[in-house]
């Protein structure tokens, strides 16, 4: 008795041991006398997120950000929990305002999905650009999605540049080659489209050959 530090240690140990029925009450006892203990608030929030009780976790992370507005981890957790709770506008607002250097793979994935579903194509394009520049080895889908985002923001030249780079890096990709030919055809450059489609590797590709016939 009279040693409150043990309450704090016990709360952490209960949480780390997976004793979720016991840990919250001990955390709350500690926080009653130490309401601005950011580490304890964050630990309890993470515990509630794992149980899961996302609404309680969100409320605790919001307390952390109120005490420490610059706490990026708590802000990210708040956005992720808003996503879980289907508060899409609040989550999107955070991801959209996050500086480029503060984004990570998860935030960019959530950002792009939200932007596309909400129909904010400039934000969707920005999210894909940020993700693309961090990829050491972009896949076929990465090039196709980025090219599509250029089309959505009415920048067809960007789509062609992206697909051209994709074909340079992945010269055996029939899908990228066909999409690039389609982009040139849409721009009225039929000669470039024919050059792209006139390769042996596409002769057994129904979509490519259908496009080839249309272009010719």
C-alpha atoms as a PDB file:
ATOM      1  CA  UNK A   1       0.000   0.000   0.000  1.00  0.00           C
ATOM      2  CA  UNK A   2       1.137   3.520  -0.767  1.00  0.00           C
ATOM      3  CA  UNK A   3       3.233   2.426  -3.768  1.00  0.00           C
ATOM      4  CA  UNK A   4       1.175   3.500  -6.840  1.00  0.00           C
ATOM      5  CA  UNK A   5       4.003   2.564  -9.197  1.00  0.00           C
ATOM      6  CA  UNK A   6       3.001  -1.061  -8.744  1.00  0.00           C
ATOM      7  CA  UNK A   7      -0.465  -0.302 -10.087  1.00  0.00           C
ATOM      8  CA  UNK A   8       1.130   0.978 -13.283  1.00  0.00           C
ATOM      9  CA  UNK A   9       3.404  -2.033 -13.603  1.00  0.00           C
ATOM     10  CA  UNK A  10       0.573  -4.463 -12.863  1.00  0.00           C
ATOM     11  CA  UNK A  11      -1.630  -2.877 -15.542  1.00  0.00           C
ATOM     12  CA  UNK A  12       1.085  -3.309 -18.162  1.00  0.00           C
ATOM     13  CA  UNK A  13       1.797  -6.897 -17.165  1.00  0.00           C
ATOM     14  CA  UNK A  14      -1.880  -7.850 -17.209  1.00  0.00           C
ATOM     15  CA  UNK A  15      -2.248  -6.395 -20.695  1.00  0.00           C
ATOM     16  CA  UNK A  16       0.913  -8.057 -21.993  1.00  0.00           C
ATOM     17  CA  UNK A  17      -0.289 -11.376 -20.544  1.00  0.00           C
ATOM     18  CA  UNK A  18      -3.561 -11.153 -22.435  1.00  0.00           C
ATOM     19  CA  UNK A  19      -5.666 -10.873 -19.279  1.00  0.00           C
ATOM     20  CA  UNK A  20      -8.040  -8.439 -20.914  1.00  0.00           C
ATOM     21  CA  UNK A  21     -10.796  -8.906 -18.325  1.00  0.00           C
ATOM     22  CA  UNK A  22      -8.520  -7.650 -15.546  1.00  0.00           C
ATOM     23  CA  UNK A  23      -6.170  -5.156 -17.174  1.00  0.00           C
ATOM     24  CA  UNK A  24      -8.605  -2.289 -18.018  1.00  0.00           C
ATOM     25  CA  UNK A  25      -9.744  -1.818 -14.428  1.00  0.00           C
ATOM     26  CA  UNK A  26      -6.154  -1.536 -13.214  1.00  0.00           C
ATOM     27  CA  UNK A  27      -5.312   0.928 -15.980  1.00  0.00           C
ATOM     28  CA  UNK A  28      -8.371   3.003 -15.069  1.00  0.00           C
ATOM     29  CA  UNK A  29      -7.318   3.028 -11.427  1.00  0.00           C
ATOM     30  CA  UNK A  30      -3.917   4.374 -12.455  1.00  0.00           C
ATOM     31  CA  UNK A  31      -5.340   6.912 -14.899  1.00  0.00           C
ATOM     32  CA  UNK A  32      -7.763   8.270 -12.310  1.00  0.00           C
ATOM     33  CA  UNK A  33      -4.773   9.785 -10.533  1.00  0.00           C
ATOM     34  CA  UNK A  34      -2.591  10.193 -13.642  1.00  0.00           C
ATOM     35  CA  UNK A  35      -4.978  11.312 -16.409  1.00  0.00           C
ATOM     36  CA  UNK A  36      -2.192  12.752 -18.592  1.00  0.00           C
ATOM     37  CA  UNK A  37      -0.011   9.635 -18.654  1.00  0.00           C
ATOM     38  CA  UNK A  38       0.275   9.297 -22.428  1.00  0.00           C
ATOM     39  CA  UNK A  39       1.980   5.902 -22.367  1.00  0.00           C
ATOM     40  CA  UNK A  40      -0.723   4.412 -20.115  1.00  0.00           C
ATOM     41  CA  UNK A  41      -3.498   5.913 -22.243  1.00  0.00           C
ATOM     42  CA  UNK A  42      -1.877   4.512 -25.382  1.00  0.00           C
ATOM     43  CA  UNK A  43      -1.398   1.065 -23.862  1.00  0.00           C
ATOM     44  CA  UNK A  44      -5.015   0.874 -22.745  1.00  0.00           C
ATOM     45  CA  UNK A  45      -6.172   2.136 -26.145  1.00  0.00           C
ATOM     46  CA  UNK A  46      -4.111  -0.546 -27.894  1.00  0.00           C
ATOM     47  CA  UNK A  47      -5.575  -3.145 -25.547  1.00  0.00           C
ATOM     48  CA  UNK A  48      -9.139  -2.064 -26.374  1.00  0.00           C
ATOM     49  CA  UNK A  49      -8.306  -2.102 -30.080  1.00  0.00           C
ATOM     50  CA  UNK A  50      -7.114  -5.687 -29.753  1.00  0.00           C
ATOM     51  CA  UNK A  51     -10.107  -6.988 -27.768  1.00  0.00           C
ATOM     52  CA  UNK A  52     -11.692  -5.399 -29.956  1.00  0.00           C
ATOM     53  CA  UNK A  53     -13.612  -2.453 -28.581  1.00  0.00           C
ATOM     54  CA  UNK A  54     -12.739   0.193 -31.171  1.00  0.00           C
ATOM     55  CA  UNK A  55     -14.992   2.932 -29.804  1.00  0.00           C
ATOM     56  CA  UNK A  56     -13.237   2.839 -26.416  1.00  0.00           C
ATOM     57  CA  UNK A  57      -9.848   2.690 -28.113  1.00  0.00           C
ATOM     58  CA  UNK A  58     -10.724   5.711 -30.261  1.00  0.00           C
ATOM     59  CA  UNK A  59     -11.796   7.763 -27.247  1.00  0.00           C
ATOM     60  CA  UNK A  60      -8.483   7.066 -25.519  1.00  0.00           C
ATOM     61  CA  UNK A  61      -6.363   7.901 -28.551  1.00  0.00           C
ATOM     62  CA  UNK A  62      -8.319  11.134 -28.904  1.00  0.00           C
ATOM     63  CA  UNK A  63      -7.340  11.966 -25.314  1.00  0.00           C
ATOM     64  CA  UNK A  64      -3.712  11.360 -26.246  1.00  0.00           C
ATOM     65  CA  UNK A  65      -3.903  13.682 -29.263  1.00  0.00           C
ATOM     66  CA  UNK A  66      -5.632  16.331 -27.134  1.00  0.00           C
ATOM     67  CA  UNK A  67      -2.740  16.207 -24.649  1.00  0.00           C
ATOM     68  CA  UNK A  68      -0.056  15.845 -27.322  1.00  0.00           C
ATOM     69  CA  UNK A  69      -1.273  17.105 -30.733  1.00  0.00           C
ATOM     70  CA  UNK A  70       2.061  16.179 -32.310  1.00  0.00           C
ATOM     71  CA  UNK A  71       1.758  12.500 -31.377  1.00  0.00           C
ATOM     72  CA  UNK A  72       1.763  11.033 -34.884  1.00  0.00           C
ATOM     73  CA  UNK A  73       1.277   7.418 -33.788  1.00  0.00           C
ATOM     74  CA  UNK A  74      -1.868   8.280 -31.820  1.00  0.00           C
ATOM     75  CA  UNK A  75      -3.165  10.341 -34.749  1.00  0.00           C
ATOM     76  CA  UNK A  76      -2.642   7.406 -37.134  1.00  0.00           C
ATOM     77  CA  UNK A  77      -4.376   5.043 -34.728  1.00  0.00           C
ATOM     78  CA  UNK A  78      -7.267   7.504 -34.466  1.00  0.00           C
ATOM     79  CA  UNK A  79      -7.638   7.540 -38.243  1.00  0.00           C
ATOM     80  CA  UNK A  80      -7.431   3.740 -38.478  1.00  0.00           C
ATOM     81  CA  UNK A  81     -10.108   3.345 -35.789  1.00  0.00           C
ATOM     82  CA  UNK A  82     -12.348   5.870 -37.528  1.00  0.00           C
ATOM     83  CA  UNK A  83     -12.011   3.632 -40.561  1.00  0.00           C
ATOM     84  CA  UNK A  84     -12.986   0.562 -38.517  1.00  0.00           C
ATOM     85  CA  UNK A  85     -15.984   2.445 -37.114  1.00  0.00           C
ATOM     86  CA  UNK A  86     -16.950   3.572 -40.635  1.00  0.00           C
ATOM     87  CA  UNK A  87     -16.331   7.242 -39.867  1.00  0.00           C
ATOM     88  CA  UNK A  88     -14.921   7.536 -43.376  1.00  0.00           C
ATOM     89  CA  UNK A  89     -14.940  11.323 -43.656  1.00  0.00           C
ATOM     90  CA  UNK A  90     -12.912  11.743 -40.463  1.00  0.00           C
ATOM     91  CA  UNK A  91     -10.396   9.096 -41.497  1.00  0.00           C
ATOM     92  CA  UNK A  92     -10.044  10.553 -44.989  1.00  0.00           C
ATOM     93  CA  UNK A  93      -9.506  14.062 -43.629  1.00  0.00           C
ATOM     94  CA  UNK A  94      -6.555  12.827 -41.589  1.00  0.00           C
ATOM     95  CA  UNK A  95      -4.916  10.809 -44.369  1.00  0.00           C
ATOM     96  CA  UNK A  96      -5.383  13.663 -46.841  1.00  0.00           C
ATOM     97  CA  UNK A  97      -3.768  16.197 -44.502  1.00  0.00           C
ATOM     98  CA  UNK A  98      -0.848  13.968 -43.511  1.00  0.00           C
ATOM     99  CA  UNK A  99       2.511  15.267 -44.821  1.00  0.00           C
ATOM    100  CA  UNK A 100       4.233  13.069 -47.391  1.00  0.00           C
ATOM    101  CA  UNK A 101       7.099  12.136 -45.066  1.00  0.00           C
ATOM    102  CA  UNK A 102       4.672  10.943 -42.385  1.00  0.00           C
ATOM    103  CA  UNK A 103       2.865   8.432 -44.584  1.00  0.00           C
ATOM    104  CA  UNK A 104       3.693   4.747 -44.412  1.00  0.00           C
ATOM    105  CA  UNK A 105       2.535   1.747 -46.441  1.00  0.00           C
ATOM    106  CA  UNK A 106      -0.625   1.265 -44.362  1.00  0.00           C
ATOM    107  CA  UNK A 107      -1.706   4.915 -44.374  1.00  0.00           C
ATOM    108  CA  UNK A 108      -1.166   5.133 -48.138  1.00  0.00           C
ATOM    109  CA  UNK A 109      -3.215   1.992 -48.699  1.00  0.00           C
ATOM    110  CA  UNK A 110      -6.064   3.330 -46.551  1.00  0.00           C
ATOM    111  CA  UNK A 111      -5.752   6.784 -48.118  1.00  0.00           C
ATOM    112  CA  UNK A 112      -6.022   5.489 -51.679  1.00  0.00           C
ATOM    113  CA  UNK A 113      -8.953   3.184 -50.895  1.00  0.00           C
ATOM    114  CA  UNK A 114     -10.881   5.942 -49.126  1.00  0.00           C
ATOM    115  CA  UNK A 115     -10.151   8.544 -51.801  1.00  0.00           C
ATOM    116  CA  UNK A 116     -11.345   6.221 -54.567  1.00  0.00           C
ATOM    117  CA  UNK A 117     -14.492   5.158 -52.712  1.00  0.00           C
ATOM    118  CA  UNK A 118     -15.348   8.789 -51.899  1.00  0.00           C
ATOM    119  CA  UNK A 119     -14.745   9.844 -55.505  1.00  0.00           C
ATOM    120  CA  UNK A 120     -11.929  12.273 -54.667  1.00  0.00           C
ATOM    121  CA  UNK A 121      -9.782  11.416 -57.659  1.00  0.00           C
ATOM    122  CA  UNK A 122      -7.089  14.086 -57.155  1.00  0.00           C
ATOM    123  CA  UNK A 123      -6.478  12.658 -53.669  1.00  0.00           C
ATOM    124  CA  UNK A 124      -6.577   9.116 -55.070  1.00  0.00           C
ATOM    125  CA  UNK A 125      -3.995  10.087 -57.689  1.00  0.00           C
ATOM    126  CA  UNK A 126      -1.789  11.716 -55.034  1.00  0.00           C
ATOM    127  CA  UNK A 127      -1.946   8.620 -52.829  1.00  0.00           C
ATOM    128  CA  UNK A 128      -0.930   6.343 -55.701  1.00  0.00           C
ATOM    129  CA  UNK A 129       1.916   8.658 -56.704  1.00  0.00           C
ATOM    130  CA  UNK A 130       3.249   8.678 -53.144  1.00  0.00           C
ATOM    131  CA  UNK A 131       3.037   4.898 -52.985  1.00  0.00           C
ATOM    132  CA  UNK A 132       4.633   4.433 -56.417  1.00  0.00           C
ATOM    133  CA  UNK A 133       7.700   6.529 -55.556  1.00  0.00           C
ATOM    134  CA  UNK A 134       8.367   4.293 -52.542  1.00  0.00           C
ATOM    135  CA  UNK A 135       8.137   0.984 -54.393  1.00  0.00           C
ATOM    136  CA  UNK A 136      11.516  -0.615 -55.167  1.00  0.00           C
ATOM    137  CA  UNK A 137       9.934  -2.985 -57.687  1.00  0.00           C
ATOM    138  CA  UNK A 138       6.490  -1.858 -58.912  1.00  0.00           C
ATOM    139  CA  UNK A 139       4.268  -4.639 -60.222  1.00  0.00           C
ATOM    140  CA  UNK A 140       2.059  -4.676 -63.303  1.00  0.00           C
ATOM    141  CA  UNK A 141      -0.933  -3.676 -61.163  1.00  0.00           C
ATOM    142  CA  UNK A 142       0.998  -0.751 -59.666  1.00  0.00           C
ATOM    143  CA  UNK A 143       1.645   0.689 -63.135  1.00  0.00           C
ATOM    144  CA  UNK A 144      -1.923   0.054 -64.289  1.00  0.00           C
ATOM    145  CA  UNK A 145      -3.503   1.651 -61.206  1.00  0.00           C
ATOM    146  CA  UNK A 146      -1.254   4.714 -61.399  1.00  0.00           C
ATOM    147  CA  UNK A 147      -1.954   5.110 -65.116  1.00  0.00           C
ATOM    148  CA  UNK A 148      -5.689   4.861 -64.427  1.00  0.00           C
ATOM    149  CA  UNK A 149      -5.406   7.570 -61.791  1.00  0.00           C
ATOM    150  CA  UNK A 150      -3.758   9.873 -64.350  1.00  0.00           C
ATOM    151  CA  UNK A 151      -6.747   9.296 -66.630  1.00  0.00           C
ATOM    152  CA  UNK A 152      -9.174  10.048 -63.791  1.00  0.00           C
ATOM    153  CA  UNK A 153      -7.583  13.468 -63.223  1.00  0.00           C
ATOM    154  CA  UNK A 154      -7.538  14.122 -66.976  1.00  0.00           C
ATOM    155  CA  UNK A 155      -3.783  13.772 -67.469  1.00  0.00           C
ATOM    156  CA  UNK A 156      -3.513  11.253 -70.308  1.00  0.00           C
ATOM    157  CA  UNK A 157       0.129  12.107 -70.968  1.00  0.00           C
ATOM    158  CA  UNK A 158       0.935  10.957 -67.450  1.00  0.00           C
ATOM    159  CA  UNK A 159      -0.838   7.668 -68.107  1.00  0.00           C
ATOM    160  CA  UNK A 160       1.220   7.081 -71.254  1.00  0.00           C
ATOM    161  CA  UNK A 161       4.458   7.977 -69.464  1.00  0.00           C
ATOM    162  CA  UNK A 162       3.607   5.603 -66.620  1.00  0.00           C
ATOM    163  CA  UNK A 163       2.744   2.705 -68.917  1.00  0.00           C
ATOM    164  CA  UNK A 164       5.827   3.344 -71.050  1.00  0.00           C
ATOM    165  CA  UNK A 165       7.982   3.134 -67.941  1.00  0.00           C
ATOM    166  CA  UNK A 166       6.095   0.032 -66.872  1.00  0.00           C
ATOM    167  CA  UNK A 167       6.794  -1.666 -70.203  1.00  0.00           C
ATOM    168  CA  UNK A 168      10.444  -0.674 -69.966  1.00  0.00           C
ATOM    169  CA  UNK A 169      10.728  -2.310 -66.551  1.00  0.00           C
ATOM    170  CA  UNK A 170       8.462  -5.252 -67.331  1.00  0.00           C
ATOM    171  CA  UNK A 171       8.954  -5.845 -71.077  1.00  0.00           C
ATOM    172  CA  UNK A 172       7.172  -9.203 -70.998  1.00  0.00           C
ATOM    173  CA  UNK A 173       3.942  -7.795 -69.551  1.00  0.00           C
ATOM    174  CA  UNK A 174       1.277  -8.282 -72.185  1.00  0.00           C
ATOM    175  CA  UNK A 175      -1.261  -6.400 -70.071  1.00  0.00           C
ATOM    176  CA  UNK A 176       0.855  -3.252 -69.829  1.00  0.00           C
ATOM    177  CA  UNK A 177       1.648  -3.410 -73.552  1.00  0.00           C
ATOM    178  CA  UNK A 178      -2.046  -3.710 -74.424  1.00  0.00           C
ATOM    179  CA  UNK A 179      -3.073  -0.877 -72.099  1.00  0.00           C
ATOM    180  CA  UNK A 180      -0.349   1.349 -73.507  1.00  0.00           C
ATOM    181  CA  UNK A 181      -1.568   0.609 -77.022  1.00  0.00           C
ATOM    182  CA  UNK A 182      -5.101   1.451 -75.896  1.00  0.00           C
ATOM    183  CA  UNK A 183      -3.879   4.776 -74.477  1.00  0.00           C
ATOM    184  CA  UNK A 184      -2.128   5.673 -77.739  1.00  0.00           C
ATOM    185  CA  UNK A 185      -5.221   4.647 -79.697  1.00  0.00           C
ATOM    186  CA  UNK A 186      -7.360   6.916 -77.470  1.00  0.00           C
ATOM    187  CA  UNK A 187      -4.977   9.777 -78.301  1.00  0.00           C
ATOM    188  CA  UNK A 188      -5.354   9.088 -82.019  1.00  0.00           C
ATOM    189  CA  UNK A 189      -1.818   7.778 -82.491  1.00  0.00           C
ATOM    190  CA  UNK A 190      -2.716   4.597 -84.370  1.00  0.00           C
ATOM    191  CA  UNK A 191       0.800   3.954 -85.678  1.00  0.00           C
ATOM    192  CA  UNK A 192       2.202   3.739 -82.153  1.00  0.00           C
ATOM    193  CA  UNK A 193      -0.650   1.472 -81.102  1.00  0.00           C
ATOM    194  CA  UNK A 194      -0.023  -0.859 -84.082  1.00  0.00           C
ATOM    195  CA  UNK A 195       3.698  -1.006 -83.340  1.00  0.00           C
ATOM    196  CA  UNK A 196       2.964  -2.073 -79.770  1.00  0.00           C
ATOM    197  CA  UNK A 197       0.427  -4.701 -80.789  1.00  0.00           C
ATOM    198  CA  UNK A 198       2.454  -6.179 -83.671  1.00  0.00           C
ATOM    199  CA  UNK A 199       4.453  -8.586 -81.542  1.00  0.00           C
ATOM    200  CA  UNK A 200       4.353 -12.364 -81.505  1.00  0.00           C
ATOM    201  CA  UNK A 201       3.705 -12.554 -77.770  1.00  0.00           C
ATOM    202  CA  UNK A 202       0.253 -10.973 -78.232  1.00  0.00           C
ATOM    203  CA  UNK A 203      -0.978 -13.243 -81.022  1.00  0.00           C
ATOM    204  CA  UNK A 204      -2.644 -15.576 -78.537  1.00  0.00           C
ATOM    205  CA  UNK A 205      -4.097 -12.728 -76.447  1.00  0.00           C
ATOM    206  CA  UNK A 206      -7.750 -12.239 -77.346  1.00  0.00           C
ATOM    207  CA  UNK A 207      -8.051  -8.746 -75.865  1.00  0.00           C
ATOM    208  CA  UNK A 208      -4.901  -7.537 -77.588  1.00  0.00           C
ATOM    209  CA  UNK A 209      -5.890  -8.968 -80.944  1.00  0.00           C
ATOM    210  CA  UNK A 210      -9.394  -7.490 -80.695  1.00  0.00           C
ATOM    211  CA  UNK A 211      -7.823  -4.094 -80.055  1.00  0.00           C
ATOM    212  CA  UNK A 212      -5.393  -4.693 -82.950  1.00  0.00           C
ATOM    213  CA  UNK A 213      -8.286  -5.323 -85.334  1.00  0.00           C
ATOM    214  CA  UNK A 214     -10.118  -2.203 -84.133  1.00  0.00           C
ATOM    215  CA  UNK A 215      -7.037  -0.029 -84.567  1.00  0.00           C
ATOM    216  CA  UNK A 216      -6.318  -1.393 -88.034  1.00  0.00           C
END
